């Protein structure tokens, strides 16, 4: 009986640990994508040098790729949004990026409340 309780507790902890890791990754992707959208908006307006915009875009995309690798299989929606973001061109309009930022915010909020 004690063994069953202990195994159940270990399973719950493993699941919540995976959710915590996913939440950190999702927040990282969301943050990088939001920064990327902002950079692209300001670059469209001519407020950034091309070198600065290029460097910021590369950094954001690298962060998205890194955090996407950390998402577990229990979060296919988050993985989907990360994959779509990675497939976008570096100069994608904010209108293409922001919907994924919003979706990731909702996924993160759901993980935080569970």
PDB file of N, CA and C in Angstrom:
ATOM      1  N   UNK A   1       0.815  -1.187   0.000  1.00  0.00           N
ATOM      2  CA  UNK A   1       0.000   0.000   0.000  1.00  0.00           C
ATOM      3  C   UNK A   1       0.864   1.258   0.000  1.00  0.00           C
ATOM      4  N   UNK A   2       1.902   1.259   0.820  1.00  0.00           N
ATOM      5  CA  UNK A   2       2.791   2.417   0.871  1.00  0.00           C
ATOM      6  C   UNK A   2       3.513   2.604  -0.464  1.00  0.00           C
ATOM      7  N   UNK A   3       3.841   1.486  -1.117  1.00  0.00           N
ATOM      8  CA  UNK A   3       4.536   1.546  -2.398  1.00  0.00           C
ATOM      9  C   UNK A   3       3.652   2.198  -3.461  1.00  0.00           C
ATOM     10  N   UNK A   4       2.365   1.849  -3.469  1.00  0.00           N
ATOM     11  CA  UNK A   4       1.436   2.433  -4.436  1.00  0.00           C
ATOM     12  C   UNK A   4       1.318   3.935  -4.194  1.00  0.00           C
ATOM     13  N   UNK A   5       1.207   4.341  -2.959  1.00  0.00           N
ATOM     14  CA  UNK A   5       1.103   5.764  -2.633  1.00  0.00           C
ATOM     15  C   UNK A   5       2.379   6.499  -3.045  1.00  0.00           C
ATOM     16  N   UNK A   6       3.505   5.880  -2.796  1.00  0.00           N
ATOM     17  CA  UNK A   6       4.782   6.498  -3.148  1.00  0.00           C
ATOM     18  C   UNK A   6       4.934   6.621  -4.659  1.00  0.00           C
ATOM     19  N   UNK A   7       4.551   5.586  -5.389  1.00  0.00           N
ATOM     20  CA  UNK A   7       4.624   5.643  -6.851  1.00  0.00           C
ATOM     21  C   UNK A   7       3.664   6.686  -7.412  1.00  0.00           C
ATOM     22  N   UNK A   8       2.489   6.799  -6.843  1.00  0.00           N
ATOM     23  CA  UNK A   8       1.524   7.813  -7.280  1.00  0.00           C
ATOM     24  C   UNK A   8       2.067   9.207  -7.053  1.00  0.00           C
ATOM     25  N   UNK A   9       2.674   9.411  -5.907  1.00  0.00           N
ATOM     26  CA  UNK A   9       3.262  10.711  -5.594  1.00  0.00           C
ATOM     27  C   UNK A   9       4.400  11.043  -6.557  1.00  0.00           C
ATOM     28  N   UNK A  10       5.218  10.054  -6.867  1.00  0.00           N
ATOM     29  CA  UNK A  10       6.330  10.257  -7.801  1.00  0.00           C
ATOM     30  C   UNK A  10       5.812  10.606  -9.189  1.00  0.00           C
ATOM     31  N   UNK A  11       4.725   9.965  -9.612  1.00  0.00           N
ATOM     32  CA  UNK A  11       4.139  10.243 -10.920  1.00  0.00           C
ATOM     33  C   UNK A  11       3.581  11.658 -10.976  1.00  0.00           C
ATOM     34  N   UNK A  12       2.886  12.076  -9.940  1.00  0.00           N
ATOM     35  CA  UNK A  12       2.341  13.431  -9.887  1.00  0.00           C
ATOM     36  C   UNK A  12       3.472  14.455  -9.916  1.00  0.00           C
ATOM     37  N   UNK A  13       4.528  14.208  -9.168  1.00  0.00           N
ATOM     38  CA  UNK A  13       5.662  15.128  -9.143  1.00  0.00           C
ATOM     39  C   UNK A  13       6.344  15.191 -10.504  1.00  0.00           C
ATOM     40  N   UNK A  14       6.476  14.054 -11.171  1.00  0.00           N
ATOM     41  CA  UNK A  14       7.097  14.039 -12.498  1.00  0.00           C
ATOM     42  C   UNK A  14       6.271  14.838 -13.486  1.00  0.00           C
ATOM     43  N   UNK A  15       4.940  14.691 -13.420  1.00  0.00           N
ATOM     44  CA  UNK A  15       4.069  15.450 -14.326  1.00  0.00           C
ATOM     45  C   UNK A  15       4.157  16.942 -14.051  1.00  0.00           C
ATOM     46  N   UNK A  16       4.116  17.322 -12.780  1.00  0.00           N
ATOM     47  CA  UNK A  16       4.161  18.743 -12.469  1.00  0.00           C
ATOM     48  C   UNK A  16       5.537  19.315 -12.790  1.00  0.00           C
ATOM     49  N   UNK A  17       6.583  18.509 -12.658  1.00  0.00           N
ATOM     50  CA  UNK A  17       7.919  18.959 -13.011  1.00  0.00           C
ATOM     51  C   UNK A  17       8.003  19.225 -14.512  1.00  0.00           C
ATOM     52  N   UNK A  18       7.397  18.341 -15.311  1.00  0.00           N
ATOM     53  CA  UNK A  18       7.350  18.543 -16.758  1.00  0.00           C
ATOM     54  C   UNK A  18       6.566  19.786 -17.124  1.00  0.00           C
ATOM     55  N   UNK A  19       5.468  20.022 -16.401  1.00  0.00           N
ATOM     56  CA  UNK A  19       4.667  21.225 -16.656  1.00  0.00           C
ATOM     57  C   UNK A  19       5.441  22.488 -16.309  1.00  0.00           C
ATOM     58  N   UNK A  20       6.192  22.436 -15.218  1.00  0.00           N
ATOM     59  CA  UNK A  20       6.999  23.608 -14.841  1.00  0.00           C
ATOM     60  C   UNK A  20       8.046  23.901 -15.908  1.00  0.00           C
ATOM     61  N   UNK A  21       8.686  22.850 -16.396  1.00  0.00           N
ATOM     62  CA  UNK A  21       9.698  23.029 -17.441  1.00  0.00           C
ATOM     63  C   UNK A  21       9.057  23.580 -18.710  1.00  0.00           C
ATOM     64  N   UNK A  22       7.880  23.072 -19.048  1.00  0.00           N
ATOM     65  CA  UNK A  22       7.166  23.577 -20.217  1.00  0.00           C
ATOM     66  C   UNK A  22       6.794  25.036 -20.034  1.00  0.00           C
ATOM     67  N   UNK A  23       6.358  25.389 -18.857  1.00  0.00           N
ATOM     68  CA  UNK A  23       5.959  26.766 -18.590  1.00  0.00           C
ATOM     69  C   UNK A  23       7.135  27.716 -18.776  1.00  0.00           C
ATOM     70  N   UNK A  24       8.291  27.328 -18.286  1.00  0.00           N
ATOM     71  CA  UNK A  24       9.492  28.150 -18.455  1.00  0.00           C
ATOM     72  C   UNK A  24       9.820  28.292 -19.945  1.00  0.00           C
ATOM     73  N   UNK A  25       9.750  27.187 -20.680  1.00  0.00           N
ATOM     74  CA  UNK A  25      10.048  27.225 -22.113  1.00  0.00           C
ATOM     75  C   UNK A  25       9.026  28.069 -22.865  1.00  0.00           C
ATOM     76  N   UNK A  26       7.757  27.908 -22.531  1.00  0.00           N
ATOM     77  CA  UNK A  26       6.696  28.661 -23.191  1.00  0.00           C
ATOM     78  C   UNK A  26       6.870  30.156 -22.945  1.00  0.00           C
ATOM     79  N   UNK A  27       7.182  30.524 -21.717  1.00  0.00           N
ATOM     80  CA  UNK A  27       7.406  31.939 -21.415  1.00  0.00           C
ATOM     81  C   UNK A  27       8.616  32.476 -22.184  1.00  0.00           C
ATOM     82  N   UNK A  28       9.644  31.665 -22.312  1.00  0.00           N
ATOM     83  CA  UNK A  28      10.824  32.079 -23.067  1.00  0.00           C
ATOM     84  C   UNK A  28      10.517  32.288 -24.547  1.00  0.00           C
ATOM     85  N   UNK A  29       9.750  31.371 -25.118  1.00  0.00           N
ATOM     86  CA  UNK A  29       9.362  31.500 -26.526  1.00  0.00           C
ATOM     87  C   UNK A  29       8.497  32.731 -26.717  1.00  0.00           C
ATOM     88  N   UNK A  30       7.535  32.891 -25.833  1.00  0.00           N
ATOM     89  CA  UNK A  30       6.624  34.037 -25.923  1.00  0.00           C
ATOM     90  C   UNK A  30       7.390  35.359 -25.839  1.00  0.00           C
ATOM     91  N   UNK A  31       8.305  35.444 -24.916  1.00  0.00           N
ATOM     92  CA  UNK A  31       9.089  36.667 -24.736  1.00  0.00           C
ATOM     93  C   UNK A  31       9.946  36.958 -25.968  1.00  0.00           C
ATOM     94  N   UNK A  32      10.624  35.948 -26.464  1.00  0.00           N
ATOM     95  CA  UNK A  32      11.482  36.135 -27.643  1.00  0.00           C
ATOM     96  C   UNK A  32      10.650  36.531 -28.857  1.00  0.00           C
ATOM     97  N   UNK A  33       9.492  35.899 -29.017  1.00  0.00           N
ATOM     98  CA  UNK A  33       8.633  36.216 -30.159  1.00  0.00           C
ATOM     99  C   UNK A  33       8.068  37.632 -30.049  1.00  0.00           C
ATOM    100  N   UNK A  34       7.712  38.048 -28.850  1.00  0.00           N
ATOM    101  CA  UNK A  34       7.201  39.415 -28.662  1.00  0.00           C
ATOM    102  C   UNK A  34       8.286  40.436 -28.982  1.00  0.00           C
ATOM    103  N   UNK A  35       9.503  40.178 -28.551  1.00  0.00           N
ATOM    104  CA  UNK A  35      10.615  41.076 -28.873  1.00  0.00           C
ATOM    105  C   UNK A  35      10.861  41.113 -30.378  1.00  0.00           C
ATOM    106  N   UNK A  36      10.774  39.955 -31.010  1.00  0.00           N
ATOM    107  CA  UNK A  36      10.969  39.837 -32.450  1.00  0.00           C
ATOM    108  C   UNK A  36       9.912  40.670 -33.190  1.00  0.00           C
ATOM    109  N   UNK A  37       8.664  40.557 -32.762  1.00  0.00           N
ATOM    110  CA  UNK A  37       7.583  41.338 -33.386  1.00  0.00           C
ATOM    111  C   UNK A  37       7.842  42.838 -33.218  1.00  0.00           C
ATOM    112  N   UNK A  38       8.279  43.236 -32.038  1.00  0.00           N
ATOM    113  CA  UNK A  38       8.564  44.648 -31.781  1.00  0.00           C
ATOM    114  C   UNK A  38       9.708  45.143 -32.666  1.00  0.00           C
ATOM    115  N   UNK A  39      10.757  44.359 -32.766  1.00  0.00           N
ATOM    116  CA  UNK A  39      11.892  44.723 -33.620  1.00  0.00           C
ATOM    117  C   UNK A  39      11.420  44.876 -35.068  1.00  0.00           C
ATOM    118  N   UNK A  40      10.617  43.934 -35.534  1.00  0.00           N
ATOM    119  CA  UNK A  40      10.166  44.012 -36.917  1.00  0.00           C
ATOM    120  C   UNK A  40       9.252  45.213 -37.153  1.00  0.00           C
ATOM    121  N   UNK A  41       8.429  45.535 -36.175  1.00  0.00           N
ATOM    122  CA  UNK A  41       7.565  46.714 -36.305  1.00  0.00           C
ATOM    123  C   UNK A  41       8.404  47.991 -36.380  1.00  0.00           C
ATOM    124  N   UNK A  42       9.363  48.093 -35.491  1.00  0.00           N
ATOM    125  CA  UNK A  42      10.209  49.289 -35.484  1.00  0.00           C
ATOM    126  C   UNK A  42      11.109  49.344 -36.716  1.00  0.00           C
ATOM    127  N   UNK A  43      11.554  48.206 -37.204  1.00  0.00           N
ATOM    128  CA  UNK A  43      12.365  48.173 -38.427  1.00  0.00           C
ATOM    129  C   UNK A  43      11.534  48.611 -39.630  1.00  0.00           C
ATOM    130  N   UNK A  44      10.262  48.174 -39.672  1.00  0.00           N
ATOM    131  CA  UNK A  44       9.367  48.604 -40.755  1.00  0.00           C
ATOM    132  C   UNK A  44       9.204  50.122 -40.750  1.00  0.00           C
ATOM    133  N   UNK A  45       9.214  50.698 -39.581  1.00  0.00           N
ATOM    134  CA  UNK A  45       9.045  52.153 -39.445  1.00  0.00           C
ATOM    135  C   UNK A  45      10.353  52.913 -39.667  1.00  0.00           C
ATOM    136  N   UNK A  46      11.436  52.199 -39.901  1.00  0.00           N
ATOM    137  CA  UNK A  46      12.717  52.825 -40.159  1.00  0.00           C
ATOM    138  C   UNK A  46      13.408  53.352 -38.916  1.00  0.00           C
ATOM    139  N   UNK A  47      13.022  52.834 -37.763  1.00  0.00           N
ATOM    140  CA  UNK A  47      13.577  53.336 -36.499  1.00  0.00           C
ATOM    141  C   UNK A  47      14.796  52.554 -36.005  1.00  0.00           C
ATOM    142  N   UNK A  48      15.152  51.487 -36.714  1.00  0.00           N
ATOM    143  CA  UNK A  48      16.299  50.669 -36.307  1.00  0.00           C
ATOM    144  C   UNK A  48      17.274  50.533 -37.466  1.00  0.00           C
ATOM    145  N   UNK A  49      18.550  50.406 -37.131  1.00  0.00           N
ATOM    146  CA  UNK A  49      19.518  50.120 -38.194  1.00  0.00           C
ATOM    147  C   UNK A  49      19.322  48.671 -38.634  1.00  0.00           C
ATOM    148  N   UNK A  50      19.694  48.395 -39.853  1.00  0.00           N
ATOM    149  CA  UNK A  50      19.523  47.031 -40.362  1.00  0.00           C
ATOM    150  C   UNK A  50      20.397  46.046 -39.586  1.00  0.00           C
ATOM    151  N   UNK A  51      21.584  46.486 -39.170  1.00  0.00           N
ATOM    152  CA  UNK A  51      22.470  45.601 -38.400  1.00  0.00           C
ATOM    153  C   UNK A  51      21.852  45.253 -37.044  1.00  0.00           C
ATOM    154  N   UNK A  52      21.283  46.242 -36.376  1.00  0.00           N
ATOM    155  CA  UNK A  52      20.651  45.995 -35.078  1.00  0.00           C
ATOM    156  C   UNK A  52      19.449  45.068 -35.238  1.00  0.00           C
ATOM    157  N   UNK A  53      18.611  45.347 -36.225  1.00  0.00           N
ATOM    158  CA  UNK A  53      17.425  44.515 -36.461  1.00  0.00           C
ATOM    159  C   UNK A  53      17.831  43.077 -36.773  1.00  0.00           C
ATOM    160  N   UNK A  54      18.850  42.921 -37.602  1.00  0.00           N
ATOM    161  CA  UNK A  54      19.315  41.575 -37.952  1.00  0.00           C
ATOM    162  C   UNK A  54      19.787  40.822 -36.713  1.00  0.00           C
ATOM    163  N   UNK A  55      20.582  41.486 -35.888  1.00  0.00           N
ATOM    164  CA  UNK A  55      21.085  40.839 -34.667  1.00  0.00           C
ATOM    165  C   UNK A  55      19.975  40.468 -33.704  1.00  0.00           C
ATOM    166  N   UNK A  56      19.016  41.346 -33.533  1.00  0.00           N
ATOM    167  CA  UNK A  56      17.885  41.061 -32.633  1.00  0.00           C
ATOM    168  C   UNK A  56      17.021  39.928 -33.169  1.00  0.00           C
ATOM    169  N   UNK A  57      16.801  39.923 -34.471  1.00  0.00           N
ATOM    170  CA  UNK A  57      16.014  38.842 -35.080  1.00  0.00           C
ATOM    171  C   UNK A  57      16.707  37.499 -34.881  1.00  0.00           C
ATOM    172  N   UNK A  58      18.005  37.473 -35.127  1.00  0.00           N
ATOM    173  CA  UNK A  58      18.756  36.223 -34.958  1.00  0.00           C
ATOM    174  C   UNK A  58      18.706  35.744 -33.514  1.00  0.00           C
ATOM    175  N   UNK A  59      18.875  36.657 -32.572  1.00  0.00           N
ATOM    176  CA  UNK A  59      18.841  36.282 -31.156  1.00  0.00           C
ATOM    177  C   UNK A  59      17.465  35.738 -30.769  1.00  0.00           C
ATOM    178  N   UNK A  60      16.419  36.391 -31.240  1.00  0.00           N
ATOM    179  CA  UNK A  60      15.064  35.928 -30.920  1.00  0.00           C
ATOM    180  C   UNK A  60      14.821  34.540 -31.496  1.00  0.00           C
ATOM    181  N   UNK A  61      15.205  34.350 -32.728  1.00  0.00           N
ATOM    182  CA  UNK A  61      14.979  33.043 -33.372  1.00  0.00           C
ATOM    183  C   UNK A  61      15.802  31.938 -32.708  1.00  0.00           C
ATOM    184  N   UNK A  62      17.017  32.271 -32.279  1.00  0.00           N
ATOM    185  CA  UNK A  62      17.835  31.285 -31.559  1.00  0.00           C
ATOM    186  C   UNK A  62      17.187  30.921 -30.230  1.00  0.00           C
ATOM    187  N   UNK A  63      16.669  31.918 -29.516  1.00  0.00           N
ATOM    188  CA  UNK A  63      15.991  31.650 -28.248  1.00  0.00           C
ATOM    189  C   UNK A  63      14.743  30.801 -28.448  1.00  0.00           C
ATOM    190  N   UNK A  64      13.984  31.086 -29.486  1.00  0.00           N
ATOM    191  CA  UNK A  64      12.778  30.304 -29.764  1.00  0.00           C
ATOM    192  C   UNK A  64      13.161  28.852 -30.046  1.00  0.00           C
ATOM    193  N   UNK A  65      14.184  28.647 -30.862  1.00  0.00           N
ATOM    194  CA  UNK A  65      14.616  27.276 -31.184  1.00  0.00           C
ATOM    195  C   UNK A  65      15.100  26.547 -29.935  1.00  0.00           C
ATOM    196  N   UNK A  66      15.868  27.234 -29.102  1.00  0.00           N
ATOM    197  CA  UNK A  66      16.390  26.604 -27.872  1.00  0.00           C
ATOM    198  C   UNK A  66      15.254  26.213 -26.932  1.00  0.00           C
ATOM    199  N   UNK A  67      14.330  27.136 -26.698  1.00  0.00           N
ATOM    200  CA  UNK A  67      13.226  26.857 -25.783  1.00  0.00           C
ATOM    201  C   UNK A  67      12.272  25.822 -26.359  1.00  0.00           C
ATOM    202  N   UNK A  68      12.121  25.806 -27.673  1.00  0.00           N
ATOM    203  CA  UNK A  68      11.223  24.825 -28.303  1.00  0.00           C
ATOM    204  C   UNK A  68      11.715  23.401 -28.050  1.00  0.00           C
ATOM    205  N   UNK A  69      13.013  23.221 -28.000  1.00  0.00           N
ATOM    206  CA  UNK A  69      13.564  21.882 -27.731  1.00  0.00           C
ATOM    207  C   UNK A  69      13.245  21.413 -26.313  1.00  0.00           C
ATOM    208  N   UNK A  70      12.932  22.340 -25.420  1.00  0.00           N
ATOM    209  CA  UNK A  70      12.662  21.994 -24.027  1.00  0.00           C
ATOM    210  C   UNK A  70      11.203  21.619 -23.781  1.00  0.00           C
ATOM    211  N   UNK A  71      10.330  21.869 -24.742  1.00  0.00           N
ATOM    212  CA  UNK A  71       8.913  21.560 -24.548  1.00  0.00           C
ATOM    213  C   UNK A  71       8.716  20.048 -24.624  1.00  0.00           C
ATOM    214  N   UNK A  72       7.980  19.507 -23.659  1.00  0.00           N
ATOM    215  CA  UNK A  72       7.739  18.067 -23.636  1.00  0.00           C
ATOM    216  C   UNK A  72       6.611  17.701 -24.589  1.00  0.00           C
ATOM    217  N   UNK A  73       6.441  16.427 -24.783  1.00  0.00           N
ATOM    218  CA  UNK A  73       5.401  15.935 -25.684  1.00  0.00           C
ATOM    219  C   UNK A  73       3.998  16.160 -25.135  1.00  0.00           C
ATOM    220  N   UNK A  74       3.896  16.562 -23.891  1.00  0.00           N
ATOM    221  CA  UNK A  74       2.574  16.787 -23.302  1.00  0.00           C
ATOM    222  C   UNK A  74       1.995  18.133 -23.690  1.00  0.00           C
ATOM    223  N   UNK A  75       2.738  18.934 -24.435  1.00  0.00           N
ATOM    224  CA  UNK A  75       2.268  20.251 -24.861  1.00  0.00           C
ATOM    225  C   UNK A  75       2.349  20.408 -26.375  1.00  0.00           C
ATOM    226  N   UNK A  76       1.557  19.639 -27.110  1.00  0.00           N
ATOM    227  CA  UNK A  76       1.636  19.731 -28.572  1.00  0.00           C
ATOM    228  C   UNK A  76       1.226  21.098 -29.119  1.00  0.00           C
ATOM    229  N   UNK A  77       0.313  21.783 -28.434  1.00  0.00           N
ATOM    230  CA  UNK A  77      -0.098  23.111 -28.919  1.00  0.00           C
ATOM    231  C   UNK A  77       1.059  24.098 -28.838  1.00  0.00           C
ATOM    232  N   UNK A  78       1.747  24.101 -27.732  1.00  0.00           N
ATOM    233  CA  UNK A  78       2.889  25.001 -27.578  1.00  0.00           C
ATOM    234  C   UNK A  78       3.981  24.651 -28.591  1.00  0.00           C
ATOM    235  N   UNK A  79       4.217  23.367 -28.777  1.00  0.00           N
ATOM    236  CA  UNK A  79       5.220  22.927 -29.753  1.00  0.00           C
ATOM    237  C   UNK A  79       4.828  23.371 -31.159  1.00  0.00           C
ATOM    238  N   UNK A  80       3.538  23.306 -31.456  1.00  0.00           N
ATOM    239  CA  UNK A  80       3.050  23.738 -32.768  1.00  0.00           C
ATOM    240  C   UNK A  80       3.337  25.225 -32.989  1.00  0.00           C
ATOM    241  N   UNK A  81       3.000  26.051 -32.016  1.00  0.00           N
ATOM    242  CA  UNK A  81       3.235  27.491 -32.157  1.00  0.00           C
ATOM    243  C   UNK A  81       4.724  27.793 -32.278  1.00  0.00           C
ATOM    244  N   UNK A  82       5.539  27.079 -31.539  1.00  0.00           N
ATOM    245  CA  UNK A  82       6.988  27.278 -31.638  1.00  0.00           C
ATOM    246  C   UNK A  82       7.481  26.902 -33.035  1.00  0.00           C
ATOM    247  N   UNK A  83       6.957  25.806 -33.569  1.00  0.00           N
ATOM    248  CA  UNK A  83       7.363  25.367 -34.912  1.00  0.00           C
ATOM    249  C   UNK A  83       6.944  26.372 -35.982  1.00  0.00           C
ATOM    250  N   UNK A  84       5.732  26.896 -35.845  1.00  0.00           N
ATOM    251  CA  UNK A  84       5.267  27.894 -36.810  1.00  0.00           C
ATOM    252  C   UNK A  84       6.142  29.137 -36.739  1.00  0.00           C
ATOM    253  N   UNK A  85       6.458  29.583 -35.541  1.00  0.00           N
ATOM    254  CA  UNK A  85       7.322  30.750 -35.387  1.00  0.00           C
ATOM    255  C   UNK A  85       8.688  30.510 -36.034  1.00  0.00           C
ATOM    256  N   UNK A  86       9.230  29.320 -35.846  1.00  0.00           N
ATOM    257  CA  UNK A  86      10.535  29.006 -36.418  1.00  0.00           C
ATOM    258  C   UNK A  86      10.508  28.969 -37.941  1.00  0.00           C
ATOM    259  N   UNK A  87       9.344  28.672 -38.506  1.00  0.00           N
ATOM    260  CA  UNK A  87       9.220  28.587 -39.964  1.00  0.00           C
ATOM    261  C   UNK A  87       9.027  29.959 -40.625  1.00  0.00           C
ATOM    262  N   UNK A  88       8.694  30.964 -39.839  1.00  0.00           N
ATOM    263  CA  UNK A  88       8.474  32.297 -40.404  1.00  0.00           C
ATOM    264  C   UNK A  88       9.802  32.917 -40.849  1.00  0.00           C
ATOM    265  N   UNK A  89       9.759  33.755 -41.867  1.00  0.00           N
ATOM    266  CA  UNK A  89      10.990  34.455 -42.250  1.00  0.00           C
ATOM    267  C   UNK A  89      11.384  35.452 -41.159  1.00  0.00           C
ATOM    268  N   UNK A  90      12.647  35.796 -41.105  1.00  0.00           N
ATOM    269  CA  UNK A  90      13.111  36.675 -40.031  1.00  0.00           C
ATOM    270  C   UNK A  90      12.468  38.054 -40.084  1.00  0.00           C
ATOM    271  N   UNK A  91      12.025  38.481 -41.259  1.00  0.00           N
ATOM    272  CA  UNK A  91      11.393  39.791 -41.370  1.00  0.00           C
ATOM    273  C   UNK A  91       9.864  39.693 -41.407  1.00  0.00           C
ATOM    274  N   UNK A  92       9.322  38.641 -40.814  1.00  0.00           N
ATOM    275  CA  UNK A  92       7.866  38.447 -40.775  1.00  0.00           C
ATOM    276  C   UNK A  92       7.191  39.648 -40.133  1.00  0.00           C
ATOM    277  N   UNK A  93       6.024  39.971 -40.621  1.00  0.00           N
ATOM    278  CA  UNK A  93       5.305  41.110 -40.045  1.00  0.00           C
ATOM    279  C   UNK A  93       4.844  40.760 -38.631  1.00  0.00           C
ATOM    280  N   UNK A  94       4.709  41.765 -37.797  1.00  0.00           N
ATOM    281  CA  UNK A  94       4.195  41.510 -36.449  1.00  0.00           C
ATOM    282  C   UNK A  94       2.835  40.814 -36.474  1.00  0.00           C
ATOM    283  N   UNK A  95       2.050  41.088 -37.504  1.00  0.00           N
ATOM    284  CA  UNK A  95       0.742  40.443 -37.623  1.00  0.00           C
ATOM    285  C   UNK A  95       0.822  38.935 -37.762  1.00  0.00           C
ATOM    286  N   UNK A  96       1.949  38.424 -38.235  1.00  0.00           N
ATOM    287  CA  UNK A  96       2.142  36.976 -38.324  1.00  0.00           C
ATOM    288  C   UNK A  96       2.699  36.387 -37.030  1.00  0.00           C
ATOM    289  N   UNK A  97       3.383  37.193 -36.259  1.00  0.00           N
ATOM    290  CA  UNK A  97       4.036  36.716 -35.032  1.00  0.00           C
ATOM    291  C   UNK A  97       3.111  36.823 -33.822  1.00  0.00           C
ATOM    292  N   UNK A  98       2.435  37.943 -33.684  1.00  0.00           N
ATOM    293  CA  UNK A  98       1.654  38.243 -32.475  1.00  0.00           C
ATOM    294  C   UNK A  98       0.567  37.206 -32.162  1.00  0.00           C
ATOM    295  N   UNK A  99      -0.149  36.652 -33.147  1.00  0.00           N
ATOM    296  CA  UNK A  99      -1.149  35.636 -32.780  1.00  0.00           C
ATOM    297  C   UNK A  99      -0.546  34.439 -32.037  1.00  0.00           C
ATOM    298  N   UNK A 100       0.682  34.087 -32.365  1.00  0.00           N
ATOM    299  CA  UNK A 100       1.342  32.977 -31.675  1.00  0.00           C
ATOM    300  C   UNK A 100       1.774  33.391 -30.268  1.00  0.00           C
ATOM    301  N   UNK A 101       2.158  34.646 -30.111  1.00  0.00           N
ATOM    302  CA  UNK A 101       2.487  35.176 -28.785  1.00  0.00           C
ATOM    303  C   UNK A 101       1.252  35.089 -27.890  1.00  0.00           C
ATOM    304  N   UNK A 102       0.103  35.510 -28.426  1.00  0.00           N
ATOM    305  CA  UNK A 102      -1.144  35.473 -27.655  1.00  0.00           C
ATOM    306  C   UNK A 102      -1.546  34.046 -27.310  1.00  0.00           C
ATOM    307  N   UNK A 103      -1.410  33.142 -28.266  1.00  0.00           N
ATOM    308  CA  UNK A 103      -1.763  31.740 -28.011  1.00  0.00           C
ATOM    309  C   UNK A 103      -0.848  31.142 -26.944  1.00  0.00           C
ATOM    310  N   UNK A 104       0.429  31.451 -27.005  1.00  0.00           N
ATOM    311  CA  UNK A 104       1.367  30.942 -25.998  1.00  0.00           C
ATOM    312  C   UNK A 104       1.078  31.525 -24.619  1.00  0.00           C
ATOM    313  N   UNK A 105       0.625  32.777 -24.588  1.00  0.00           N
ATOM    314  CA  UNK A 105       0.239  33.376 -23.298  1.00  0.00           C
ATOM    315  C   UNK A 105      -0.928  32.606 -22.689  1.00  0.00           C
ATOM    316  N   UNK A 106      -1.903  32.228 -23.509  1.00  0.00           N
ATOM    317  CA  UNK A 106      -3.057  31.472 -23.019  1.00  0.00           C
ATOM    318  C   UNK A 106      -2.642  30.074 -22.543  1.00  0.00           C
ATOM    319  N   UNK A 107      -1.767  29.434 -23.293  1.00  0.00           N
ATOM    320  CA  UNK A 107      -1.291  28.104 -22.888  1.00  0.00           C
ATOM    321  C   UNK A 107      -0.535  28.207 -21.568  1.00  0.00           C
ATOM    322  N   UNK A 108       0.309  29.218 -21.446  1.00  0.00           N
ATOM    323  CA  UNK A 108       1.058  29.423 -20.204  1.00  0.00           C
ATOM    324  C   UNK A 108       0.141  29.696 -19.031  1.00  0.00           C
ATOM    325  N   UNK A 109      -0.892  30.506 -19.256  1.00  0.00           N
ATOM    326  CA  UNK A 109      -1.839  30.821 -18.167  1.00  0.00           C
ATOM    327  C   UNK A 109      -2.565  29.557 -17.726  1.00  0.00           C
ATOM    328  N   UNK A 110      -2.912  28.712 -18.675  1.00  0.00           N
ATOM    329  CA  UNK A 110      -3.601  27.465 -18.325  1.00  0.00           C
ATOM    330  C   UNK A 110      -2.678  26.556 -17.506  1.00  0.00           C
ATOM    331  N   UNK A 111      -1.407  26.518 -17.853  1.00  0.00           N
ATOM    332  CA  UNK A 111      -0.450  25.707 -17.078  1.00  0.00           C
ATOM    333  C   UNK A 111      -0.258  26.275 -15.687  1.00  0.00           C
ATOM    334  N   UNK A 112      -0.231  27.593 -15.573  1.00  0.00           N
ATOM    335  CA  UNK A 112      -0.045  28.208 -14.256  1.00  0.00           C
ATOM    336  C   UNK A 112      -1.229  27.944 -13.335  1.00  0.00           C
ATOM    337  N   UNK A 113      -2.408  27.860 -13.893  1.00  0.00           N
ATOM    338  CA  UNK A 113      -3.598  27.667 -13.058  1.00  0.00           C
ATOM    339  C   UNK A 113      -3.873  26.209 -12.736  1.00  0.00           C
ATOM    340  N   UNK A 114      -3.158  25.292 -13.413  1.00  0.00           N
ATOM    341  CA  UNK A 114      -3.412  23.871 -13.129  1.00  0.00           C
ATOM    342  C   UNK A 114      -2.530  23.330 -12.036  1.00  0.00           C
TER     343      UNK A 114
END
